[in-house]
Amino acid sequence: MKLTSIALISISSILVACSSGSTTNNNSVIYVPTINYSPGNKTAVTTNIAGGNPIIAEIDTGSEITVVNESAIGTNLTKTSESLTIIYGAGTNKVSGYLAYGSVGFTTTDGQVIKTSPNTPLLVVTSGSVNQGGGNNAILGMRMNNQVSARLFMPYPYNQMMVLNRTKNFIAFGNLSTAQLNKFAVVAQQQINCANLAPINTANNYCWNSPVSATTYTYSLKDNKTSESNYPTIFDSGEALGNIYITPMPNWIESNEKGEVINTVTAVINTNKGAIPLPMTLPLHYTPALTPPGAINPGNLLFESYQVLFNQRDGTMGFVLQNESW
């Protein structure tokens, strides 16, 4: 789910993204049950935010911050006067509200409750709703290009890495061993300036983004030939559609009156174990990038085929087939 900040916030407090939450579990990896739902082929967890009642929260690896409807949040909350507006889904859903801080709680498969620290940044929605038909009252942004994701405020070692597995219905948080990491076909991310939604100093975490060379797209041309190009790619569990967010529009794109790309397009991810197929949610759509040059968001179909690793510690993303163990 593509996220764009419209109004930046200004905060003087310092957040440390690896500050401790609460836990009684000494394992290096924990497993949290997930729910798959429609519309949009989304994945969610049951959580509580700021001590509120259990709610459904979408796992969104394409956005940054935790966003929650005001009616679903608890009272253990530190409010601010700062405002924020975010647009999801290629401009289809706009929500606005205020910045606050509070914990996000997860219940593991063995019944233990893991909470993020109480200074986890939250956007509390007072105008609009994050629910676009799936019954969710929150969106948990999990992208690696920032330091405001709730995942980074989990207790160590659960803030180091995560693996999303749609087929077996779990999300794993923790510090995978070398043997476990070696199971994944890996793309090394590039270190970037953190795309925080506020000038917050959380220097304990690095921020990462997909390099241009990570994904190769092959497309048909009008003369019945094919060509290929590499584009930065967002691996986004929240994107129900495939979107090409590139400005200016690539000259190879042909589209119909609905904005759907009618070229035949295929893609591979270039990993340390060679090129692996990248399933895309078709048809792709062309949407001009709000911040040029932009990137391609192939949609969330790849999460049907792969377990996807997000490694904030080492700056890598990894892929292993859904039926493989690690």
Protein backbone atom coordinates (compact mmCIF):
# COMPACT_ATOMS: atom_id res chain seq x y z
CA MET A 1 0.00 0.00 0.00
CA LYS A 2 1.66 3.18 -1.18
CA LEU A 3 1.91 5.77 1.59
CA THR A 4 2.49 9.47 1.10
CA SER A 5 2.78 12.06 3.83
CA ILE A 6 0.96 15.29 3.08
CA ALA A 7 1.59 17.33 6.22
CA LEU A 8 4.85 16.72 8.03
CA ILE A 9 4.91 16.79 11.80
CA SER A 10 7.40 18.56 14.04
CA ILE A 11 8.49 16.91 17.27
CA SER A 12 11.18 17.81 19.73
CA SER A 13 11.19 14.53 21.68
CA ILE A 14 13.72 11.82 20.90
CA LEU A 15 12.52 8.30 20.22
CA VAL A 16 14.79 5.29 20.39
CA ALA A 17 13.31 2.68 18.10
CA CYS A 18 15.00 -0.22 19.83
CA SER A 19 13.83 0.82 23.30
CA SER A 20 12.40 -2.07 25.27
CA GLY A 21 8.77 -3.05 25.36
CA SER A 22 7.62 -5.84 27.66
CA THR A 23 8.01 -9.59 27.29
CA THR A 24 8.57 -12.76 29.29
CA ASN A 25 9.72 -14.79 26.28
CA ASN A 26 13.45 -15.49 25.91
CA ASN A 27 13.24 -17.13 22.48
CA SER A 28 15.05 -15.46 19.59
CA VAL A 29 11.98 -15.79 17.32
CA ILE A 30 8.29 -15.49 18.15
CA TYR A 31 5.30 -16.33 15.97
CA VAL A 32 2.11 -14.27 15.79
CA PRO A 33 -0.98 -15.71 14.06
CA THR A 34 -2.21 -13.85 10.99
CA ILE A 35 -5.55 -13.62 9.17
CA ASN A 36 -5.95 -13.38 5.40
CA TYR A 37 -8.93 -11.35 4.21
CA SER A 38 -10.55 -9.60 1.27
CA PRO A 39 -10.99 -7.24 -0.45
CA GLY A 40 -7.44 -6.68 -1.57
CA ASN A 41 -5.80 -10.00 -0.63
CA LYS A 42 -4.65 -8.50 2.69
CA THR A 43 -2.98 -10.00 5.78
CA ALA A 44 -3.77 -8.89 9.31
CA VAL A 45 -3.12 -9.66 12.97
CA THR A 46 -5.25 -9.25 16.08
CA THR A 47 -3.70 -6.54 18.23
CA ASN A 48 -4.50 -3.92 20.82
CA ILE A 49 -3.19 -0.40 20.69
CA ALA A 50 -2.63 1.83 23.72
CA GLY A 51 -4.37 -0.70 25.93
CA GLY A 52 -7.56 -0.83 23.89
CA ASN A 53 -9.77 -3.78 23.01
CA PRO A 54 -8.52 -6.39 20.51
CA ILE A 55 -8.83 -5.16 16.93
CA ILE A 56 -7.87 -6.34 13.45
CA ALA A 57 -4.77 -4.57 12.09
CA GLU A 58 -3.48 -4.92 8.55
CA ILE A 59 0.20 -5.79 8.08
CA ASP A 60 1.45 -3.32 5.48
CA THR A 61 5.06 -3.74 4.38
CA GLY A 62 4.70 -0.79 1.98
CA SER A 63 3.98 1.93 4.55
CA GLU A 64 5.76 3.32 7.56
CA ILE A 65 3.77 4.26 10.64
CA THR A 66 0.99 2.62 12.68
CA VAL A 67 -2.36 4.18 11.76
CA VAL A 68 -5.45 3.48 13.89
CA ASN A 69 -9.05 4.68 13.91
CA GLU A 70 -9.71 6.82 16.99
CA SER A 71 -12.74 4.72 17.94
CA ALA A 72 -10.55 1.61 18.26
CA ILE A 73 -7.70 2.94 20.36
CA GLY A 74 -7.21 2.64 24.12
CA THR A 75 -6.62 5.33 26.72
CA ASN A 76 -2.95 4.60 27.54
CA LEU A 77 -1.98 7.26 25.07
CA THR A 78 0.26 10.32 24.92
CA LYS A 79 -1.37 12.78 22.54
CA THR A 80 0.32 15.61 20.68
CA SER A 81 -1.05 18.64 18.83
CA GLU A 82 0.72 17.61 15.63
CA SER A 83 -1.39 16.60 12.61
CA LEU A 84 -0.75 14.22 9.75
CA THR A 85 -2.54 13.25 6.56
CA ILE A 86 -1.77 10.05 4.66
CA ILE A 87 -3.05 8.71 1.35
CA TYR A 88 -3.20 4.96 0.76
CA GLY A 89 -3.86 2.81 -2.27
CA ALA A 90 -2.75 5.03 -5.17
CA GLY A 91 -4.84 7.93 -3.94
CA THR A 92 -8.02 5.99 -3.16
CA ASN A 93 -8.14 6.44 0.62
CA LYS A 94 -7.21 9.60 2.53
CA VAL A 95 -7.05 9.66 6.32
CA SER A 96 -6.13 12.47 8.71
CA GLY A 97 -5.57 12.77 12.43
CA TYR A 98 -3.11 13.54 15.18
CA LEU A 99 0.22 12.10 16.23
CA ALA A 100 0.28 10.16 19.50
CA TYR A 101 2.42 7.60 21.30
CA GLY A 102 1.37 4.28 22.79
CA SER A 103 2.16 0.57 22.82
CA VAL A 104 1.09 -2.03 20.26
CA GLY A 105 0.43 -5.50 21.66
CA PHE A 106 0.81 -8.85 19.88
CA THR A 107 -0.31 -12.25 21.16
CA THR A 108 1.98 -15.09 20.07
CA THR A 109 0.94 -18.58 19.00
CA ASP A 110 1.74 -19.85 22.52
CA GLY A 111 -0.40 -17.16 24.17
CA GLN A 112 2.27 -14.74 25.36
CA VAL A 113 1.68 -11.01 24.96
CA ILE A 114 4.51 -8.96 23.44
CA LYS A 115 4.19 -5.18 23.56
CA THR A 116 6.10 -2.44 21.86
CA SER A 117 7.41 0.39 24.01
CA PRO A 118 4.88 3.08 25.00
CA ASN A 119 6.64 5.68 22.83
CA THR A 120 5.68 3.92 19.60
CA PRO A 121 4.50 6.60 17.11
CA LEU A 122 0.84 6.37 16.11
CA LEU A 123 -1.37 8.30 13.72
CA VAL A 124 -4.81 8.41 15.33
CA VAL A 125 -7.40 8.86 12.57
CA THR A 126 -10.14 11.42 13.20
CA SER A 127 -11.14 11.98 9.56
CA GLY A 128 -11.69 9.02 7.27
CA SER A 129 -11.10 5.36 8.11
CA VAL A 130 -8.39 2.80 7.41
CA ASN A 131 -11.10 0.17 6.90
CA GLN A 132 -11.72 -0.25 3.19
CA GLY A 133 -14.04 -3.22 3.57
CA GLY A 134 -11.88 -5.78 5.34
CA GLY A 135 -12.98 -5.02 8.89
CA ASN A 136 -9.59 -3.71 10.03
CA ASN A 137 -9.34 -0.75 12.39
CA ALA A 138 -5.58 -0.23 12.08
CA ILE A 139 -2.70 -0.50 9.64
CA LEU A 140 0.73 -1.52 10.91
CA GLY A 141 3.33 0.02 8.62
CA MET A 142 6.33 -2.32 8.37
CA ARG A 143 8.46 -0.87 5.57
CA MET A 144 12.26 -0.76 6.09
CA ASN A 145 12.85 2.83 4.91
CA ASN A 146 11.97 4.49 8.22
CA GLN A 147 12.40 4.49 12.00
CA VAL A 148 8.76 4.90 13.04
CA SER A 149 7.44 1.38 12.38
CA ALA A 150 5.99 -0.37 15.44
CA ARG A 151 8.18 -3.37 14.61
CA LEU A 152 11.27 -1.34 15.56
CA PHE A 153 9.84 -0.57 19.00
CA MET A 154 9.42 -4.24 19.96
CA PRO A 155 11.74 -5.63 22.65
CA TYR A 156 15.09 -6.97 21.51
CA PRO A 157 15.58 -9.35 19.68
CA TYR A 158 12.11 -9.14 18.10
CA ASN A 159 12.83 -5.75 16.52
CA GLN A 160 15.62 -7.13 14.33
CA MET A 161 13.84 -9.09 11.60
CA MET A 162 10.44 -10.36 10.52
CA VAL A 163 9.13 -13.00 8.13
CA LEU A 164 5.60 -12.86 6.70
CA ASN A 165 4.05 -16.21 5.73
CA ARG A 166 0.55 -15.89 4.31
CA THR A 167 0.02 -19.58 3.57
CA LYS A 168 0.85 -20.85 7.07
CA ASN A 169 -0.78 -17.80 8.64
CA PHE A 170 1.99 -16.35 10.76
CA ILE A 171 4.35 -13.44 11.05
CA ALA A 172 7.64 -14.17 12.80
CA PHE A 173 9.60 -11.51 14.69
CA GLY A 174 13.11 -12.03 15.98
CA ASN A 175 16.78 -12.54 15.28
CA LEU A 176 17.16 -15.40 12.83
CA SER A 177 20.28 -17.55 13.01
CA THR A 178 22.83 -17.69 10.21
CA ALA A 179 21.52 -21.13 9.22
CA GLN A 180 17.98 -19.79 9.02
CA LEU A 181 19.01 -16.73 7.02
CA ASN A 182 20.91 -18.90 4.55
CA LYS A 183 17.62 -20.54 3.53
CA PHE A 184 16.48 -17.30 1.91
CA ALA A 185 17.36 -15.94 -1.50
CA VAL A 186 18.49 -12.46 -0.52
CA VAL A 187 18.56 -8.97 -2.02
CA ALA A 188 20.92 -6.52 -0.35
CA GLN A 189 19.13 -3.22 0.23
CA GLN A 190 20.79 0.17 -0.11
CA GLN A 191 21.17 2.33 2.99
CA ILE A 192 19.22 5.58 2.67
CA ASN A 193 18.26 8.61 4.67
CA CYS A 194 15.30 7.62 6.81
CA ALA A 195 11.93 8.50 5.28
CA ASN A 196 10.41 9.32 8.65
CA LEU A 197 7.11 11.14 8.84
CA ALA A 198 8.76 13.55 11.27
CA PRO A 199 12.29 14.76 12.10
CA ILE A 200 12.70 12.20 14.90
CA ASN A 201 16.18 11.17 16.04
CA THR A 202 16.16 7.37 16.23
CA ALA A 203 19.73 6.76 15.15
CA ASN A 204 19.90 3.23 16.58
CA ASN A 205 18.32 1.85 13.40
CA TYR A 206 19.48 2.08 9.82
CA CYS A 207 16.99 2.61 7.00
CA TRP A 208 16.96 0.66 3.75
CA ASN A 209 15.39 0.69 0.31
CA SER A 210 15.44 -1.58 -2.74
CA PRO A 211 18.31 -0.83 -5.14
CA VAL A 212 17.45 -0.12 -8.76
CA SER A 213 19.13 -3.35 -9.88
CA ALA A 214 17.06 -5.62 -7.62
CA THR A 215 14.25 -6.35 -10.08
CA THR A 216 14.30 -6.79 -13.86
CA TYR A 217 11.09 -6.21 -15.83
CA THR A 218 10.66 -7.68 -19.34
CA TYR A 219 7.93 -6.10 -21.47
CA SER A 220 6.50 -6.43 -24.95
CA LEU A 221 6.83 -3.62 -27.47
CA LYS A 222 4.64 -2.52 -30.37
CA ASP A 223 6.89 -4.15 -32.97
CA ASN A 224 6.37 -7.57 -31.34
CA LYS A 225 9.83 -7.42 -29.80
CA THR A 226 10.65 -7.40 -26.12
CA SER A 227 12.97 -5.34 -23.99
CA GLU A 228 13.84 -5.11 -20.32
CA SER A 229 14.66 -2.53 -17.66
CA ASN A 230 15.48 -2.53 -13.96
CA TYR A 231 13.31 -0.44 -11.66
CA PRO A 232 13.27 0.17 -7.89
CA THR A 233 10.57 -2.09 -6.47
CA ILE A 234 8.39 -1.95 -3.36
CA PHE A 235 7.53 -5.38 -1.94
CA ASP A 236 4.20 -4.42 -0.45
CA SER A 237 1.76 -6.74 1.33
CA GLY A 238 -0.80 -3.94 1.42
CA GLU A 239 -1.00 -3.21 -2.31
CA ALA A 240 -4.12 -4.82 -3.78
CA LEU A 241 -3.21 -3.65 -7.30
CA GLY A 242 0.00 -3.63 -9.28
CA ASN A 243 1.09 -0.04 -9.93
CA ILE A 244 3.89 1.54 -11.93
CA TYR A 245 4.72 4.74 -10.05
CA ILE A 246 7.36 6.12 -12.44
CA THR A 247 7.69 9.76 -13.56
CA PRO A 248 8.06 10.51 -16.40
CA MET A 249 6.01 7.63 -17.80
CA PRO A 250 8.34 5.04 -19.41
CA ASN A 251 8.07 5.21 -23.19
CA TRP A 252 7.36 1.49 -23.49
CA ILE A 253 4.07 1.63 -21.59
CA GLU A 254 0.84 1.17 -23.52
CA SER A 255 -2.35 1.68 -21.56
CA ASN A 256 -6.11 1.61 -22.07
CA GLU A 257 -8.74 4.15 -21.02
CA LYS A 258 -8.78 2.66 -17.51
CA GLY A 259 -5.07 3.32 -17.04
CA GLU A 260 -4.29 -0.39 -17.22
CA VAL A 261 -0.98 -1.35 -18.82
CA ILE A 262 -1.76 -3.58 -21.79
CA ASN A 263 1.82 -4.62 -22.54
CA THR A 264 2.78 -8.12 -21.48
CA VAL A 265 5.06 -7.60 -18.47
CA THR A 266 7.01 -10.21 -16.49
CA ALA A 267 9.65 -9.76 -13.79
CA VAL A 268 12.38 -11.48 -11.81
CA ILE A 269 14.04 -10.55 -8.52
CA ASN A 270 17.86 -10.63 -8.72
CA THR A 271 19.00 -12.38 -5.54
CA ASN A 272 22.24 -13.88 -4.25
CA LYS A 273 20.90 -17.26 -5.43
CA GLY A 274 20.08 -16.07 -8.92
CA ALA A 275 16.95 -14.65 -10.50
CA ILE A 276 13.65 -15.80 -9.02
CA PRO A 277 10.21 -15.15 -10.57
CA LEU A 278 8.27 -12.16 -9.25
CA PRO A 279 4.50 -12.82 -9.40
CA MET A 280 2.62 -9.59 -10.08
CA THR A 281 -0.97 -8.56 -9.44
CA LEU A 282 -2.25 -7.96 -12.97
CA PRO A 283 -3.24 -5.86 -14.76
CA LEU A 284 -0.64 -3.31 -13.78
CA HIS A 285 -1.77 0.31 -13.63
CA TYR A 286 0.19 3.42 -14.48
CA THR A 287 0.06 6.10 -11.75
CA PRO A 288 2.46 9.08 -11.91
CA ALA A 289 4.87 9.13 -8.97
CA LEU A 290 4.16 11.84 -6.42
CA THR A 291 7.90 11.97 -5.74
CA PRO A 292 9.85 11.36 -8.96
CA PRO A 293 11.37 9.18 -10.23
CA GLY A 294 9.27 6.69 -8.25
CA ALA A 295 9.20 2.89 -8.22
CA ILE A 296 7.12 -0.10 -9.27
CA ASN A 297 4.78 -1.71 -6.78
CA PRO A 298 3.96 -5.13 -8.28
CA GLY A 299 1.12 -5.77 -5.82
CA ASN A 300 0.87 -8.37 -3.10
CA LEU A 301 0.55 -11.55 -5.19
CA LEU A 302 4.18 -12.49 -4.48
CA PHE A 303 3.22 -13.06 -0.82
CA GLU A 304 1.13 -16.00 -2.05
CA SER A 305 4.28 -17.66 -3.42
CA TYR A 306 7.03 -16.61 -1.01
CA GLN A 307 7.70 -16.16 2.65
CA VAL A 308 9.28 -12.71 2.71
CA LEU A 309 12.05 -11.71 5.12
CA PHE A 310 12.56 -8.09 6.19
CA ASN A 311 15.95 -7.78 7.89
CA GLN A 312 16.36 -4.30 9.38
CA ARG A 313 19.61 -5.23 11.09
CA ASP A 314 21.55 -6.26 7.99
CA GLY A 315 19.60 -4.37 5.34
CA THR A 316 18.43 -7.37 3.34
CA MET A 317 15.18 -8.79 2.04
CA GLY A 318 14.80 -12.52 1.51
CA PHE A 319 12.48 -14.91 -0.29
CA VAL A 320 11.80 -18.60 0.27
CA LEU A 321 8.94 -20.63 -1.17
CA GLN A 322 5.87 -20.92 1.02
CA ASN A 323 6.26 -24.69 1.49
CA GLU A 324 9.92 -24.54 2.55
CA SER A 325 11.11 -24.52 6.14
CA TRP A 326 13.85 -22.28 7.52
